Structures are given as C-alpha cells and as structure tokens.
Amino acid sequence: MLLEIQDKIVSLDLFEKKFVCDLSACKGACCIEGDSGAPLTFEEVSIIEDNLEVIKPYMRQEGLDAVEETGVFYMDWDNEPVTTLVNEKECAFVAFDDKGTALCAIEQAHKDGKLDFKKPISCHLYPIRAKKFKEFEALNYNTWDICSPACACGEQLDVKVYKFLKEPIIRAYGEEFFQELEVVDKDIEEQKKNGEFPQG
C-alpha cells in the first residue's frame, strides 16, 4: 500500500516495519554487499571530489587505489552515479575498525570536524530507498536479509522505520515533511484501533 504525502509516494512499510541498525551484529554489511555502489547525486559527487584530500586519510589503500584508477563514482545500469567499488564488492570509502565493522571514511572525516558533509543521503536514509520520477519521488523500504538483526532490534525496541530515520529524513526533506509523517502515523494507528484501516 502506498500513501501520497506532499509530492512523495510513501510506502506503508515506513510506518509498519520496525528497524534499528545493529552494527555489532551486521558489521555494516550494507556498505559491502550489493550489486552496485551507493547512489549519489551529482552534487554529492562534486562535494566528494572537492573534499577528497580530506577524506583520503580515513580510506584503506584498496579504496584509494580504486578511486585513483576510476574516480569517486561510476554510472550504474540505470545511468545514475554511484560510489566506486573495490573489486566489485565494498564501497571504496569503506574502512574497517579492529572488530571488522565497516565504517564510512566520509562520515569519519565529518565526525572529526574535517567535513560539513556527513555522507551520501542514500546511505543516511537506508533502509529507505528514494527514487525520483518526473512528477514525484517514491520512498520505499528496502528489505534485505543482511538487515534481519536490525529488524529484530527494531521489533525489540519498538521503533518504526521512519522514526529511526528521523535525522536523515529531515536532512533530505525538511522538518515539515517529517511532521506530516508523524500525523499520518497517528491517523493509521487511530484507524487500526477503530478497525477502519484497510488490509492488504
């Protein structure tokens, strides 16, 4: 089921599914698994390129080599920019801590105050995947086996997907849009309580 909120088409899963990242369990697998790099905007490509020297100290040699060879991005099958990969696997900007957990070199530079840009919005919004069309933008919940620990953690803590992603949603779409999500969520819960919410 899809809901229209402002100029967005929003999956009901954002209100129905529970999610809280559990890095201790998944080790940041979403930065490693998959069939392409992280989706980027061309504005983000420019930001990363302009700040590459600041980001480089946080990168692994493999990532540095990949970026040196092909640049910070490539065009995927949909002809959209995505981050360069190492050996067609993990993102070139992935580094690993002493526990083997994937960390984002861009985000580490941001945490250290070297960079205003936190990380690509597609990474920040995950597990929401945003897709722009001519007249609207679709926000869908991406289900993936590697995120089963996050789903379990979300169920245990009772945190809905959109609430877990409050910061990136506001970053991407503004405070007003997030407040509208809260209103819709409240309406859904009220309809459920009254047995009025459509199933399926």
Protein backbone atom coordinates (compact mmCIF):
# COMPACT_ATOMS: atom_id res chain seq x y z
CA MET A 1 0.00 0.00 0.00
CA LEU A 2 1.27 3.47 -0.94
CA LEU A 3 0.44 6.84 0.58
CA GLU A 4 0.72 10.28 -1.03
CA ILE A 5 2.40 12.80 1.27
CA GLN A 6 3.31 16.18 -0.22
CA ASP A 7 4.94 15.33 -3.58
CA LYS A 8 6.14 11.94 -2.31
CA ILE A 9 4.68 8.48 -2.72
CA VAL A 10 5.48 6.72 0.55
CA SER A 11 5.38 3.00 1.26
CA LEU A 12 3.21 1.95 4.18
CA ASP A 13 6.19 -0.15 5.31
CA LEU A 14 7.80 3.00 6.72
CA PHE A 15 5.06 3.00 9.36
CA GLU A 16 4.52 -0.76 9.68
CA LYS A 17 8.07 -2.14 9.82
CA LYS A 18 10.45 -1.78 12.77
CA PHE A 19 14.15 -1.09 12.31
CA VAL A 20 17.21 -0.12 14.37
CA CYS A 21 20.70 -0.72 12.97
CA ASP A 22 22.67 -3.28 14.96
CA LEU A 23 26.26 -2.81 13.80
CA SER A 24 27.58 -5.30 16.32
CA ALA A 25 25.58 -8.00 14.51
CA CYS A 26 25.71 -6.98 10.83
CA LYS A 27 29.18 -5.35 10.83
CA GLY A 28 27.95 -2.73 8.35
CA ALA A 29 27.23 -5.30 5.65
CA CYS A 30 25.14 -2.83 3.60
CA CYS A 31 28.40 -0.99 2.77
CA ILE A 32 29.89 -4.22 1.42
CA GLU A 33 27.09 -6.29 -0.11
CA GLY A 34 25.02 -5.41 -3.15
CA ASP A 35 25.32 -5.18 -6.91
CA SER A 36 26.46 -1.56 -7.21
CA GLY A 37 27.88 1.35 -5.24
CA ALA A 38 25.86 3.73 -3.08
CA PRO A 39 23.57 6.01 -5.12
CA LEU A 40 24.85 9.59 -5.41
CA THR A 41 23.57 12.88 -6.71
CA PHE A 42 25.88 14.85 -8.99
CA GLU A 43 26.03 17.50 -6.27
CA GLU A 44 27.35 14.83 -3.88
CA VAL A 45 29.88 13.71 -6.48
CA SER A 46 31.22 17.29 -6.60
CA ILE A 47 31.35 17.53 -2.79
CA ILE A 48 33.30 14.28 -2.51
CA GLU A 49 35.66 15.24 -5.33
CA ASP A 50 36.27 18.69 -3.84
CA ASN A 51 37.00 17.20 -0.39
CA LEU A 52 38.81 14.05 -1.44
CA GLU A 53 42.13 15.09 0.13
CA VAL A 54 40.37 15.48 3.49
CA ILE A 55 38.70 12.07 3.14
CA LYS A 56 41.74 10.13 1.91
CA PRO A 57 43.43 9.70 5.35
CA TYR A 58 40.38 7.72 6.50
CA MET A 59 40.37 5.37 3.49
CA ARG A 60 42.02 1.98 3.00
CA GLN A 61 44.71 1.60 0.40
CA GLU A 62 42.39 -0.57 -1.71
CA GLY A 63 39.84 2.23 -1.76
CA LEU A 64 42.48 4.83 -2.58
CA ASP A 65 43.71 2.69 -5.46
CA ALA A 66 40.18 2.22 -6.84
CA VAL A 67 39.43 5.95 -6.70
CA GLU A 68 42.81 6.75 -8.24
CA GLU A 69 42.02 4.41 -11.11
CA THR A 70 38.40 5.25 -11.88
CA GLY A 71 37.40 8.31 -9.83
CA VAL A 72 34.97 8.58 -6.92
CA PHE A 73 31.94 7.32 -8.89
CA TYR A 74 30.75 5.39 -11.93
CA MET A 75 27.43 5.24 -13.78
CA ASP A 76 25.28 2.21 -12.94
CA TRP A 77 22.81 0.26 -15.10
CA ASP A 78 20.21 2.99 -14.65
CA ASN A 79 22.78 5.55 -15.84
CA GLU A 80 22.93 7.12 -12.38
CA PRO A 81 26.09 7.91 -10.39
CA VAL A 82 27.11 5.51 -7.60
CA THR A 83 30.24 5.24 -5.45
CA THR A 84 33.24 3.40 -6.85
CA LEU A 85 33.68 -0.17 -5.62
CA VAL A 86 36.72 -2.20 -4.58
CA ASN A 87 36.84 -5.47 -6.52
CA GLU A 88 33.15 -5.02 -7.45
CA LYS A 89 32.30 -5.52 -3.79
CA GLU A 90 32.56 -2.96 -1.00
CA CYS A 91 32.32 0.80 -1.41
CA ALA A 92 35.71 2.44 -1.99
CA PHE A 93 35.04 4.69 1.02
CA VAL A 94 34.69 1.78 3.43
CA ALA A 95 37.27 1.32 6.18
CA PHE A 96 37.19 -1.35 8.89
CA ASP A 97 37.66 -0.98 12.64
CA ASP A 98 39.52 -3.51 14.79
CA LYS A 99 36.32 -5.59 15.12
CA GLY A 100 35.88 -5.84 11.37
CA THR A 101 32.94 -3.44 11.29
CA ALA A 102 32.61 -1.36 8.14
CA LEU A 103 32.95 2.37 8.69
CA CYS A 104 32.43 5.21 6.21
CA ALA A 105 35.58 7.26 5.57
CA ILE A 106 33.43 10.25 4.60
CA GLU A 107 31.46 10.03 7.85
CA GLN A 108 34.65 9.61 9.91
CA ALA A 109 36.03 12.84 8.39
CA HIS A 110 32.74 14.53 9.26
CA LYS A 111 32.84 13.25 12.86
CA ASP A 112 36.34 14.67 13.22
CA GLY A 113 35.14 18.08 12.08
CA LYS A 114 37.06 17.98 8.81
CA LEU A 115 33.98 17.98 6.59
CA ASP A 116 30.48 19.53 6.79
CA PHE A 117 29.04 16.79 4.55
CA LYS A 118 28.07 13.74 6.65
CA LYS A 119 27.73 11.07 3.96
CA PRO A 120 25.64 10.44 0.82
CA ILE A 121 21.96 10.89 1.59
CA SER A 122 21.19 7.44 0.12
CA CYS A 123 23.40 5.87 2.81
CA HIS A 124 21.97 8.08 5.55
CA LEU A 125 18.38 7.23 4.56
CA TYR A 126 18.94 3.48 4.33
CA PRO A 127 16.83 1.23 4.54
CA ILE A 128 14.66 3.80 2.75
CA ARG A 129 15.43 3.86 -0.95
CA ALA A 130 14.33 7.04 -2.73
CA LYS A 131 13.64 7.09 -6.46
CA LYS A 132 12.83 10.29 -8.34
CA PHE A 133 10.36 10.28 -11.19
CA LYS A 134 9.15 13.15 -13.35
CA GLU A 135 6.25 14.22 -11.15
CA PHE A 136 7.00 12.65 -7.78
CA GLU A 137 9.56 10.88 -5.61
CA ALA A 138 8.95 7.37 -4.28
CA LEU A 139 10.16 6.37 -0.81
CA ASN A 140 10.28 2.60 -0.36
CA TYR A 141 11.50 0.33 2.40
CA ASN A 142 14.28 -1.94 1.13
CA THR A 143 14.07 -5.42 2.63
CA TRP A 144 17.37 -7.31 2.72
CA ASP A 145 18.42 -10.44 4.59
CA ILE A 146 21.57 -8.79 5.93
CA CYS A 147 19.36 -6.37 7.85
CA SER A 148 17.50 -9.08 9.80
CA PRO A 149 19.41 -8.12 13.01
CA ALA A 150 18.22 -4.52 12.55
CA CYS A 151 14.64 -5.71 12.08
CA ALA A 152 14.87 -7.81 15.24
CA CYS A 153 16.39 -4.90 17.15
CA GLY A 154 13.67 -2.58 15.88
CA GLU A 155 10.96 -5.01 16.99
CA GLN A 156 12.54 -5.35 20.41
CA LEU A 157 12.83 -1.59 20.88
CA ASP A 158 9.52 -0.89 19.06
CA VAL A 159 10.98 1.71 16.68
CA LYS A 160 9.31 2.26 13.32
CA VAL A 161 11.45 2.73 10.20
CA TYR A 162 10.58 6.39 9.71
CA LYS A 163 11.24 7.21 13.38
CA PHE A 164 14.64 5.53 13.28
CA LEU A 165 15.44 7.66 10.23
CA LYS A 166 14.22 10.99 11.64
CA GLU A 167 17.57 12.78 11.18
CA PRO A 168 18.17 11.81 7.53
CA ILE A 169 14.50 12.33 6.59
CA ILE A 170 14.67 15.88 7.94
CA ARG A 171 18.03 16.39 6.24
CA ALA A 172 16.59 15.26 2.90
CA TYR A 173 13.04 16.62 3.01
CA GLY A 174 12.73 19.05 5.91
CA GLU A 175 11.11 19.18 9.34
CA GLU A 176 7.62 19.78 7.96
CA PHE A 177 7.68 16.57 5.92
CA PHE A 178 8.73 14.54 8.97
CA GLN A 179 5.92 16.13 11.00
CA GLU A 180 3.48 15.07 8.28
CA LEU A 181 4.78 11.50 8.59
CA GLU A 182 4.03 11.67 12.31
CA VAL A 183 0.48 12.87 11.62
CA VAL A 184 -0.08 10.07 9.09
CA ASP A 185 1.31 7.52 11.53
CA LYS A 186 -1.05 8.75 14.25
CA ASP A 187 -4.00 8.55 11.84
CA ILE A 188 -3.06 4.98 10.84
CA GLU A 189 -2.86 3.87 14.46
CA GLU A 190 -6.22 5.50 15.20
CA GLN A 191 -7.85 3.77 12.22
CA LYS A 192 -6.41 0.43 13.33
CA LYS A 193 -7.76 0.92 16.81
CA ASN A 194 -11.21 1.58 15.35
CA GLY A 195 -10.98 -1.31 12.90
CA GLU A 196 -11.14 1.08 9.95
CA PHE A 197 -7.70 0.58 8.42
CA PRO A 198 -7.79 -1.25 5.06
CA GLN A 199 -5.87 -4.53 4.95
CA GLY A 200 -3.69 -5.63 2.04
